C-alpha atoms as a PDB file:
ATOM      1  CA  UNK A   1     -33.062-111.299 124.696  1.00  0.00           C
ATOM      2  CA  UNK A   2     -35.962-110.080 122.532  1.00  0.00           C
ATOM      3  CA  UNK A   3     -37.702-112.101 119.833  1.00  0.00           C
ATOM      4  CA  UNK A   4     -35.818-110.241 117.093  1.00  0.00           C
ATOM      5  CA  UNK A   5     -32.455-111.096 118.637  1.00  0.00           C
ATOM      6  CA  UNK A   6     -33.491-114.739 119.020  1.00  0.00           C
ATOM      7  CA  UNK A   7     -34.559-114.876 115.374  1.00  0.00           C
ATOM      8  CA  UNK A   8     -31.365-113.281 114.077  1.00  0.00           C
ATOM      9  CA  UNK A   9     -29.138-115.509 116.212  1.00  0.00           C
ATOM     10  CA  UNK A  10     -30.945-118.593 114.914  1.00  0.00           C
ATOM     11  CA  UNK A  11     -30.851-117.332 111.317  1.00  0.00           C
ATOM     12  CA  UNK A  12     -27.106-116.670 111.430  1.00  0.00           C
ATOM     13  CA  UNK A  13     -26.366-120.023 113.052  1.00  0.00           C
ATOM     14  CA  UNK A  14     -28.416-121.984 110.521  1.00  0.00           C
ATOM     15  CA  UNK A  15     -27.175-119.963 107.535  1.00  0.00           C
ATOM     16  CA  UNK A  16     -23.502-120.559 108.346  1.00  0.00           C
ATOM     17  CA  UNK A  17     -24.266-124.274 108.258  1.00  0.00           C
ATOM     18  CA  UNK A  18     -25.284-123.903 104.609  1.00  0.00           C
ATOM     19  CA  UNK A  19     -22.843-121.414 103.104  1.00  0.00           C
ATOM     20  CA  UNK A  20     -19.628-119.575 104.015  1.00  0.00           C
ATOM     21  CA  UNK A  21     -20.739-116.172 105.356  1.00  0.00           C
ATOM     22  CA  UNK A  22     -18.091-113.452 105.659  1.00  0.00           C
ATOM     23  CA  UNK A  23     -20.478-110.997 107.330  1.00  0.00           C
ATOM     24  CA  UNK A  24     -24.123-110.440 108.209  1.00  0.00           C
ATOM     25  CA  UNK A  25     -25.337-106.833 108.280  1.00  0.00           C
ATOM     26  CA  UNK A  26     -28.560-105.076 109.188  1.00  0.00           C
ATOM     27  CA  UNK A  27     -29.868-101.888 107.607  1.00  0.00           C
ATOM     28  CA  UNK A  28     -33.224-100.114 107.480  1.00  0.00           C
ATOM     29  CA  UNK A  29     -35.102 -99.382 110.697  1.00  0.00           C
ATOM     30  CA  UNK A  30     -33.020-101.770 112.817  1.00  0.00           C
ATOM     31  CA  UNK A  31     -29.911 -99.795 111.928  1.00  0.00           C
ATOM     32  CA  UNK A  32     -31.492 -96.327 111.833  1.00  0.00           C
ATOM     33  CA  UNK A  33     -33.199 -96.642 115.218  1.00  0.00           C
ATOM     34  CA  UNK A  34     -36.910 -96.749 114.331  1.00  0.00           C
ATOM     35  CA  UNK A  35     -37.513-100.495 114.566  1.00  0.00           C
ATOM     36  CA  UNK A  36     -40.939-101.727 115.740  1.00  0.00           C
ATOM     37  CA  UNK A  37     -40.967-105.455 116.444  1.00  0.00           C
ATOM     38  CA  UNK A  38     -43.713-107.204 114.523  1.00  0.00           C
ATOM     39  CA  UNK A  39     -44.322-104.140 112.344  1.00  0.00           C
ATOM     40  CA  UNK A  40     -40.987-103.179 110.800  1.00  0.00           C
ATOM     41  CA  UNK A  41     -39.201-105.304 108.247  1.00  0.00           C
ATOM     42  CA  UNK A  42     -35.906-106.867 109.287  1.00  0.00           C
ATOM     43  CA  UNK A  43     -33.525-105.906 106.471  1.00  0.00           C
ATOM     44  CA  UNK A  44     -30.367-108.002 106.306  1.00  0.00           C
ATOM     45  CA  UNK A  45     -27.432-108.523 103.962  1.00  0.00           C
ATOM     46  CA  UNK A  46     -25.435-111.749 103.983  1.00  0.00           C
ATOM     47  CA  UNK A  47     -21.969-111.239 102.495  1.00  0.00           C
ATOM     48  CA  UNK A  48     -20.901-114.521 100.912  1.00  0.00           C
ATOM     49  CA  UNK A  49     -17.536-115.824  99.791  1.00  0.00           C
ATOM     50  CA  UNK A  50     -18.997-117.575  96.744  1.00  0.00           C
ATOM     51  CA  UNK A  51     -22.306-117.466  94.838  1.00  0.00           C
ATOM     52  CA  UNK A  52     -24.984-119.829  96.070  1.00  0.00           C
ATOM     53  CA  UNK A  53     -25.081-123.140  94.241  1.00  0.00           C
ATOM     54  CA  UNK A  54     -28.410-124.664  93.213  1.00  0.00           C
ATOM     55  CA  UNK A  55     -28.276-126.963  96.224  1.00  0.00           C
ATOM     56  CA  UNK A  56     -27.482-124.050  98.539  1.00  0.00           C
ATOM     57  CA  UNK A  57     -30.353-121.999  97.084  1.00  0.00           C
ATOM     58  CA  UNK A  58     -32.736-124.818  97.913  1.00  0.00           C
ATOM     59  CA  UNK A  59     -31.289-125.057 101.420  1.00  0.00           C
ATOM     60  CA  UNK A  60     -31.582-121.283 101.994  1.00  0.00           C
ATOM     61  CA  UNK A  61     -35.200-121.389 100.794  1.00  0.00           C
ATOM     62  CA  UNK A  62     -35.908-124.253 103.188  1.00  0.00           C
ATOM     63  CA  UNK A  63     -34.219-122.291 105.992  1.00  0.00           C
ATOM     64  CA  UNK A  64     -36.423-119.224 105.517  1.00  0.00           C
ATOM     65  CA  UNK A  65     -39.611-121.258 105.191  1.00  0.00           C
ATOM     66  CA  UNK A  66     -38.742-123.323 108.245  1.00  0.00           C
ATOM     67  CA  UNK A  67     -38.118-120.186 110.297  1.00  0.00           C
ATOM     68  CA  UNK A  68     -41.440-118.741 109.158  1.00  0.00           C
ATOM     69  CA  UNK A  69     -43.254-121.856 110.355  1.00  0.00           C
ATOM     70  CA  UNK A  70     -41.515-121.824 113.732  1.00  0.00           C
ATOM     71  CA  UNK A  71     -41.156-118.091 114.405  1.00  0.00           C
ATOM     72  CA  UNK A  72     -43.924-115.806 113.064  1.00  0.00           C
ATOM     73  CA  UNK A  73     -41.566-112.808 113.202  1.00  0.00           C
ATOM     74  CA  UNK A  74     -39.452-114.470 110.486  1.00  0.00           C
ATOM     75  CA  UNK A  75     -42.044-113.331 107.936  1.00  0.00           C
ATOM     76  CA  UNK A  76     -40.591-109.842 108.432  1.00  0.00           C
ATOM     77  CA  UNK A  77     -37.052-111.031 107.607  1.00  0.00           C
ATOM     78  CA  UNK A  78     -35.690-109.978 104.214  1.00  0.00           C
ATOM     79  CA  UNK A  79     -32.148-110.796 103.185  1.00  0.00           C
ATOM     80  CA  UNK A  80     -29.931-109.951 100.226  1.00  0.00           C
ATOM     81  CA  UNK A  81     -27.256-112.530  99.459  1.00  0.00           C
ATOM     82  CA  UNK A  82     -24.284-110.673  97.983  1.00  0.00           C
ATOM     83  CA  UNK A  83     -20.904-112.138  97.046  1.00  0.00           C
ATOM     84  CA  UNK A  84     -18.148-110.110  98.700  1.00  0.00           C
ATOM     85  CA  UNK A  85     -16.368-109.104  95.472  1.00  0.00           C
ATOM     86  CA  UNK A  86     -19.590-108.287  93.566  1.00  0.00           C
ATOM     87  CA  UNK A  87     -20.380-104.816  94.937  1.00  0.00           C
ATOM     88  CA  UNK A  88     -18.835-102.591  92.269  1.00  0.00           C
ATOM     89  CA  UNK A  89     -21.548-103.041  89.617  1.00  0.00           C
ATOM     90  CA  UNK A  90     -24.571-101.242  91.097  1.00  0.00           C
ATOM     91  CA  UNK A  91     -26.895-102.730  88.465  1.00  0.00           C
ATOM     92  CA  UNK A  92     -25.896-106.318  89.219  1.00  0.00           C
ATOM     93  CA  UNK A  93     -28.696-108.447  90.615  1.00  0.00           C
ATOM     94  CA  UNK A  94     -28.218-110.600  93.699  1.00  0.00           C
ATOM     95  CA  UNK A  95     -30.505-113.161  95.254  1.00  0.00           C
ATOM     96  CA  UNK A  96     -32.978-111.575  97.641  1.00  0.00           C
ATOM     97  CA  UNK A  97     -35.335-113.341 100.035  1.00  0.00           C
ATOM     98  CA  UNK A  98     -38.572-111.421 100.548  1.00  0.00           C
ATOM     99  CA  UNK A  99     -41.752-112.905 102.018  1.00  0.00           C
ATOM    100  CA  UNK A 100     -41.967-116.208 100.152  1.00  0.00           C
ATOM    101  CA  UNK A 101     -39.043-116.796  97.820  1.00  0.00           C
ATOM    102  CA  UNK A 102     -35.586-116.037  96.441  1.00  0.00           C
ATOM    103  CA  UNK A 103     -35.591-113.601  93.535  1.00  0.00           C
ATOM    104  CA  UNK A 104     -32.886-111.627  91.719  1.00  0.00           C
ATOM    105  CA  UNK A 105     -32.749-107.996  92.808  1.00  0.00           C
ATOM    106  CA  UNK A 106     -30.130-105.253  92.685  1.00  0.00           C
ATOM    107  CA  UNK A 107     -28.872-103.653  95.906  1.00  0.00           C
ATOM    108  CA  UNK A 108     -30.354-100.178  95.622  1.00  0.00           C
ATOM    109  CA  UNK A 109     -28.230 -97.097  96.196  1.00  0.00           C
ATOM    110  CA  UNK A 110     -30.485 -96.205  99.142  1.00  0.00           C
ATOM    111  CA  UNK A 111     -29.721 -99.548 100.789  1.00  0.00           C
ATOM    112  CA  UNK A 112     -26.019 -99.065 100.079  1.00  0.00           C
ATOM    113  CA  UNK A 113     -26.044 -95.600 101.650  1.00  0.00           C
ATOM    114  CA  UNK A 114     -27.948 -96.967 104.665  1.00  0.00           C
ATOM    115  CA  UNK A 115     -25.287 -99.615 105.142  1.00  0.00           C
ATOM    116  CA  UNK A 116     -22.486 -97.066 104.971  1.00  0.00           C
ATOM    117  CA  UNK A 117     -24.281 -94.545 107.188  1.00  0.00           C
ATOM    118  CA  UNK A 118     -25.198 -96.919 109.983  1.00  0.00           C
ATOM    119  CA  UNK A 119     -25.146-100.556 108.957  1.00  0.00           C
ATOM    120  CA  UNK A 120     -24.998-102.883 111.950  1.00  0.00           C
ATOM    121  CA  UNK A 121     -22.690-105.893 111.704  1.00  0.00           C
ATOM    122  CA  UNK A 122     -24.024-108.993 113.456  1.00  0.00           C
ATOM    123  CA  UNK A 123     -20.951-110.945 112.414  1.00  0.00           C
ATOM    124  CA  UNK A 124     -17.755-110.293 110.492  1.00  0.00           C
ATOM    125  CA  UNK A 125     -16.452-106.903 109.351  1.00  0.00           C
ATOM    126  CA  UNK A 126     -18.707-103.905 108.807  1.00  0.00           C
ATOM    127  CA  UNK A 127     -19.666-102.397 105.431  1.00  0.00           C
ATOM    128  CA  UNK A 128     -16.796 -99.872 105.323  1.00  0.00           C
ATOM    129  CA  UNK A 129     -14.150-101.087 102.913  1.00  0.00           C
ATOM    130  CA  UNK A 130     -16.523-103.584 101.288  1.00  0.00           C
ATOM    131  CA  UNK A 131     -19.431-101.449 100.062  1.00  0.00           C
ATOM    132  CA  UNK A 132     -18.278 -98.730  97.620  1.00  0.00           C
ATOM    133  CA  UNK A 133     -19.083 -95.131  98.499  1.00  0.00           C
ATOM    134  CA  UNK A 134     -22.322 -93.659  97.129  1.00  0.00           C
ATOM    135  CA  UNK A 135     -22.044 -90.026  96.058  1.00  0.00           C
ATOM    136  CA  UNK A 136     -24.811 -87.545  96.829  1.00  0.00           C
ATOM    137  CA  UNK A 137     -25.277 -86.950  93.098  1.00  0.00           C
ATOM    138  CA  UNK A 138     -25.628 -90.653  92.291  1.00  0.00           C
ATOM    139  CA  UNK A 139     -28.065 -91.145  95.166  1.00  0.00           C
ATOM    140  CA  UNK A 140     -30.174 -88.172  94.055  1.00  0.00           C
ATOM    141  CA  UNK A 141     -30.302 -89.435  90.460  1.00  0.00           C
ATOM    142  CA  UNK A 142     -31.376 -92.870  91.681  1.00  0.00           C
ATOM    143  CA  UNK A 143     -34.135 -91.459  93.890  1.00  0.00           C
ATOM    144  CA  UNK A 144     -35.486 -89.185  91.158  1.00  0.00           C
ATOM    145  CA  UNK A 145     -35.643 -92.102  88.732  1.00  0.00           C
ATOM    146  CA  UNK A 146     -37.411 -94.257  91.331  1.00  0.00           C
ATOM    147  CA  UNK A 147     -40.055 -91.600  91.973  1.00  0.00           C
ATOM    148  CA  UNK A 148     -40.543 -90.840  88.284  1.00  0.00           C
ATOM    149  CA  UNK A 149     -40.412 -94.342  86.826  1.00  0.00           C
ATOM    150  CA  UNK A 150     -41.839 -96.442  89.655  1.00  0.00           C
ATOM    151  CA  UNK A 151     -43.893 -94.542  92.227  1.00  0.00           C
ATOM    152  CA  UNK A 152     -45.783 -92.242  89.852  1.00  0.00           C
ATOM    153  CA  UNK A 153     -46.878 -95.067  87.506  1.00  0.00           C
ATOM    154  CA  UNK A 154     -48.146 -97.074  90.489  1.00  0.00           C
ATOM    155  CA  UNK A 155     -50.094 -94.019  91.667  1.00  0.00           C
ATOM    156  CA  UNK A 156     -51.955 -94.081  88.346  1.00  0.00           C
ATOM    157  CA  UNK A 157     -53.569 -97.383  89.400  1.00  0.00           C
ATOM    158  CA  UNK A 158     -56.286 -97.949  91.980  1.00  0.00           C
ATOM    159  CA  UNK A 159     -55.852-101.553  93.092  1.00  0.00           C
ATOM    160  CA  UNK A 160     -52.480-101.309  94.925  1.00  0.00           C
ATOM    161  CA  UNK A 161     -53.734 -98.466  97.116  1.00  0.00           C
ATOM    162  CA  UNK A 162     -56.503-100.571  98.600  1.00  0.00           C
ATOM    163  CA  UNK A 163     -53.772-102.466 100.496  1.00  0.00           C
ATOM    164  CA  UNK A 164     -52.164-101.327 103.744  1.00  0.00           C
ATOM    165  CA  UNK A 165     -48.725-102.185 102.360  1.00  0.00           C
ATOM    166  CA  UNK A 166     -48.880 -99.535  99.639  1.00  0.00           C
ATOM    167  CA  UNK A 167     -50.447 -96.922 101.895  1.00  0.00           C
ATOM    168  CA  UNK A 168     -47.567 -97.384 104.326  1.00  0.00           C
ATOM    169  CA  UNK A 169     -44.960 -97.520 101.559  1.00  0.00           C
ATOM    170  CA  UNK A 170     -45.730 -94.846  98.973  1.00  0.00           C
ATOM    171  CA  UNK A 171     -46.259 -91.671 101.036  1.00  0.00           C
ATOM    172  CA  UNK A 172     -43.320 -92.440 103.336  1.00  0.00           C
ATOM    173  CA  UNK A 173     -41.014 -93.129 100.386  1.00  0.00           C
ATOM    174  CA  UNK A 174     -41.955 -89.755  98.939  1.00  0.00           C
ATOM    175  CA  UNK A 175     -41.419 -87.953 102.250  1.00  0.00           C
ATOM    176  CA  UNK A 176     -38.037 -89.585 102.832  1.00  0.00           C
ATOM    177  CA  UNK A 177     -37.011 -88.873  99.242  1.00  0.00           C
ATOM    178  CA  UNK A 178     -37.850 -85.187  99.631  1.00  0.00           C
ATOM    179  CA  UNK A 179     -35.390 -84.885 102.522  1.00  0.00           C
ATOM    180  CA  UNK A 180     -32.604 -86.816 100.811  1.00  0.00           C
ATOM    181  CA  UNK A 181     -32.974 -84.730  97.651  1.00  0.00           C
ATOM    182  CA  UNK A 182     -32.821 -81.546  99.731  1.00  0.00           C
ATOM    183  CA  UNK A 183     -29.818 -82.222 101.957  1.00  0.00           C
ATOM    184  CA  UNK A 184     -28.607 -85.791 101.382  1.00  0.00           C
ATOM    185  CA  UNK A 185     -29.866 -87.145 104.720  1.00  0.00           C
ATOM    186  CA  UNK A 186     -31.589 -90.490 105.196  1.00  0.00           C
ATOM    187  CA  UNK A 187     -34.416 -90.254 107.716  1.00  0.00           C
ATOM    188  CA  UNK A 188     -36.485 -92.855 109.551  1.00  0.00           C
ATOM    189  CA  UNK A 189     -40.101 -93.674 108.784  1.00  0.00           C
ATOM    190  CA  UNK A 190     -41.076 -92.072 112.078  1.00  0.00           C
ATOM    191  CA  UNK A 191     -39.414 -88.809 111.075  1.00  0.00           C
ATOM    192  CA  UNK A 192     -41.028 -89.077 107.642  1.00  0.00           C
ATOM    193  CA  UNK A 193     -44.483 -88.819 109.225  1.00  0.00           C
ATOM    194  CA  UNK A 194     -43.658 -85.259 110.293  1.00  0.00           C
ATOM    195  CA  UNK A 195     -42.355 -84.496 106.810  1.00  0.00           C
ATOM    196  CA  UNK A 196     -45.599 -85.814 105.300  1.00  0.00           C
ATOM    197  CA  UNK A 197     -47.526 -83.187 107.223  1.00  0.00           C
ATOM    198  CA  UNK A 198     -45.155 -80.462 106.012  1.00  0.00           C
ATOM    199  CA  UNK A 199     -45.650 -81.658 102.434  1.00  0.00           C
ATOM    200  CA  UNK A 200     -49.401 -81.198 102.826  1.00  0.00           C
ATOM    201  CA  UNK A 201     -50.511 -84.813 103.142  1.00  0.00           C
ATOM    202  CA  UNK A 202     -54.122 -85.185 104.339  1.00  0.00           C
ATOM    203  CA  UNK A 203     -54.158 -85.513 108.163  1.00  0.00           C
ATOM    204  CA  UNK A 204     -56.414 -88.580 107.980  1.00  0.00           C
ATOM    205  CA  UNK A 205     -53.860 -90.339 105.769  1.00  0.00           C
ATOM    206  CA  UNK A 206     -50.950 -89.451 108.055  1.00  0.00           C
ATOM    207  CA  UNK A 207     -52.817 -90.657 111.133  1.00  0.00           C
ATOM    208  CA  UNK A 208     -53.768 -93.909 109.400  1.00  0.00           C
ATOM    209  CA  UNK A 209     -50.102 -94.658 108.689  1.00  0.00           C
ATOM    210  CA  UNK A 210     -49.048 -93.585 112.189  1.00  0.00           C
ATOM    211  CA  UNK A 211     -51.700 -95.756 113.838  1.00  0.00           C
ATOM    212  CA  UNK A 212     -50.641 -98.874 111.976  1.00  0.00           C
ATOM    213  CA  UNK A 213     -46.974 -98.322 112.777  1.00  0.00           C
ATOM    214  CA  UNK A 214     -47.289 -97.201 116.389  1.00  0.00           C
ATOM    215  CA  UNK A 215     -50.724 -98.536 117.370  1.00  0.00           C
ATOM    216  CA  UNK A 216     -52.071 -95.313 118.865  1.00  0.00           C
ATOM    217  CA  UNK A 217     -54.922 -94.952 118.165  1.00  0.00           C
ATOM    218  CA  UNK A 218     -55.998 -98.171 116.465  1.00  0.00           C
ATOM    219  CA  UNK A 219     -56.213 -97.752 112.671  1.00  0.00           C
ATOM    220  CA  UNK A 220     -59.584 -97.420 110.984  1.00  0.00           C
ATOM    221  CA  UNK A 221     -61.064-100.246 108.944  1.00  0.00           C
ATOM    222  CA  UNK A 222     -63.843-101.049 106.522  1.00  0.00           C
ATOM    223  CA  UNK A 223     -64.194-100.894 102.735  1.00  0.00           C
ATOM    224  CA  UNK A 224     -65.532 -97.328 102.625  1.00  0.00           C
ATOM    225  CA  UNK A 225     -62.510 -95.971 104.482  1.00  0.00           C
ATOM    226  CA  UNK A 226     -60.110 -98.059 102.394  1.00  0.00           C
ATOM    227  CA  UNK A 227     -61.572 -96.650  99.197  1.00  0.00           C
ATOM    228  CA  UNK A 228     -61.402 -93.081 100.489  1.00  0.00           C
ATOM    229  CA  UNK A 229     -57.878 -93.642 101.785  1.00  0.00           C
ATOM    230  CA  UNK A 230     -56.761 -94.961  98.395  1.00  0.00           C
ATOM    231  CA  UNK A 231     -57.997 -91.773  96.768  1.00  0.00           C
ATOM    232  CA  UNK A 232     -56.229 -89.594  99.338  1.00  0.00           C
ATOM    233  CA  UNK A 233     -52.932 -91.415  98.866  1.00  0.00           C
ATOM    234  CA  UNK A 234     -53.059 -91.459  95.064  1.00  0.00           C
ATOM    235  CA  UNK A 235     -53.971 -87.785  94.828  1.00  0.00           C
ATOM    236  CA  UNK A 236     -51.262 -86.769  97.291  1.00  0.00           C
ATOM    237  CA  UNK A 237     -48.556 -88.724  95.471  1.00  0.00           C
ATOM    238  CA  UNK A 238     -49.618 -87.612  91.998  1.00  0.00           C
ATOM    239  CA  UNK A 239     -49.724 -83.947  93.028  1.00  0.00           C
ATOM    240  CA  UNK A 240     -46.669 -83.868  95.310  1.00  0.00           C
ATOM    241  CA  UNK A 241     -44.153 -86.034  93.443  1.00  0.00           C
ATOM    242  CA  UNK A 242     -43.654 -83.521  90.584  1.00  0.00           C
ATOM    243  CA  UNK A 243     -43.007 -80.796  93.182  1.00  0.00           C
ATOM    244  CA  UNK A 244     -40.410 -82.945  94.949  1.00  0.00           C
ATOM    245  CA  UNK A 245     -38.754 -83.772  91.628  1.00  0.00           C
ATOM    246  CA  UNK A 246     -38.653 -80.098  90.698  1.00  0.00           C
ATOM    247  CA  UNK A 247     -36.878 -79.318  93.963  1.00  0.00           C
END
């Protein structure tokens, strides 16, 4: 049993001691087949019978923090806590654990489509029959709004792009979005690296992302490279996003 399986088994066991869980699902790279242990996020959805009480919120927070102290891989674990009968309103916010705390966050239409396309049930029933269908038109509208109203404004700033997290996030989001807007498919981050090249991303930027995800070769470092890389990423996103939006 790998470290990820050990973590998820422990998480499910401890969580069911706090709250009634109807199902626990995985989506993202673990479901789509591009998971890299220690690199990829572990994206989970806990389907609950009732909303978390204040006491249960505190217990869930303590659970995540305790796992992070004991199992370093638990820092990659993100989980949305969604009440079973609360899926219809796509704008409704649910509690989401990411990195260091519980915060309200809506279940995006991309996450919903991932669950329906290949969500993996660790316990309980699968997403079919619980998660409402997401039409291609609704998904496309959501993605266009995300690129226009979120990614482009961030690309107007310098500071985020000095961090590995944004370098790995922004270009791959744009590449994956371009495919979904073209034919409705959801692709993995690994496949998105090939799409980045087709979209004209600078080779040095693509290789930097590939190296951090797959470790071959080791990624570059140093402040000079980080500054240059930030400029490459910002320019690529600012020039390419309007083309993707225009179709």
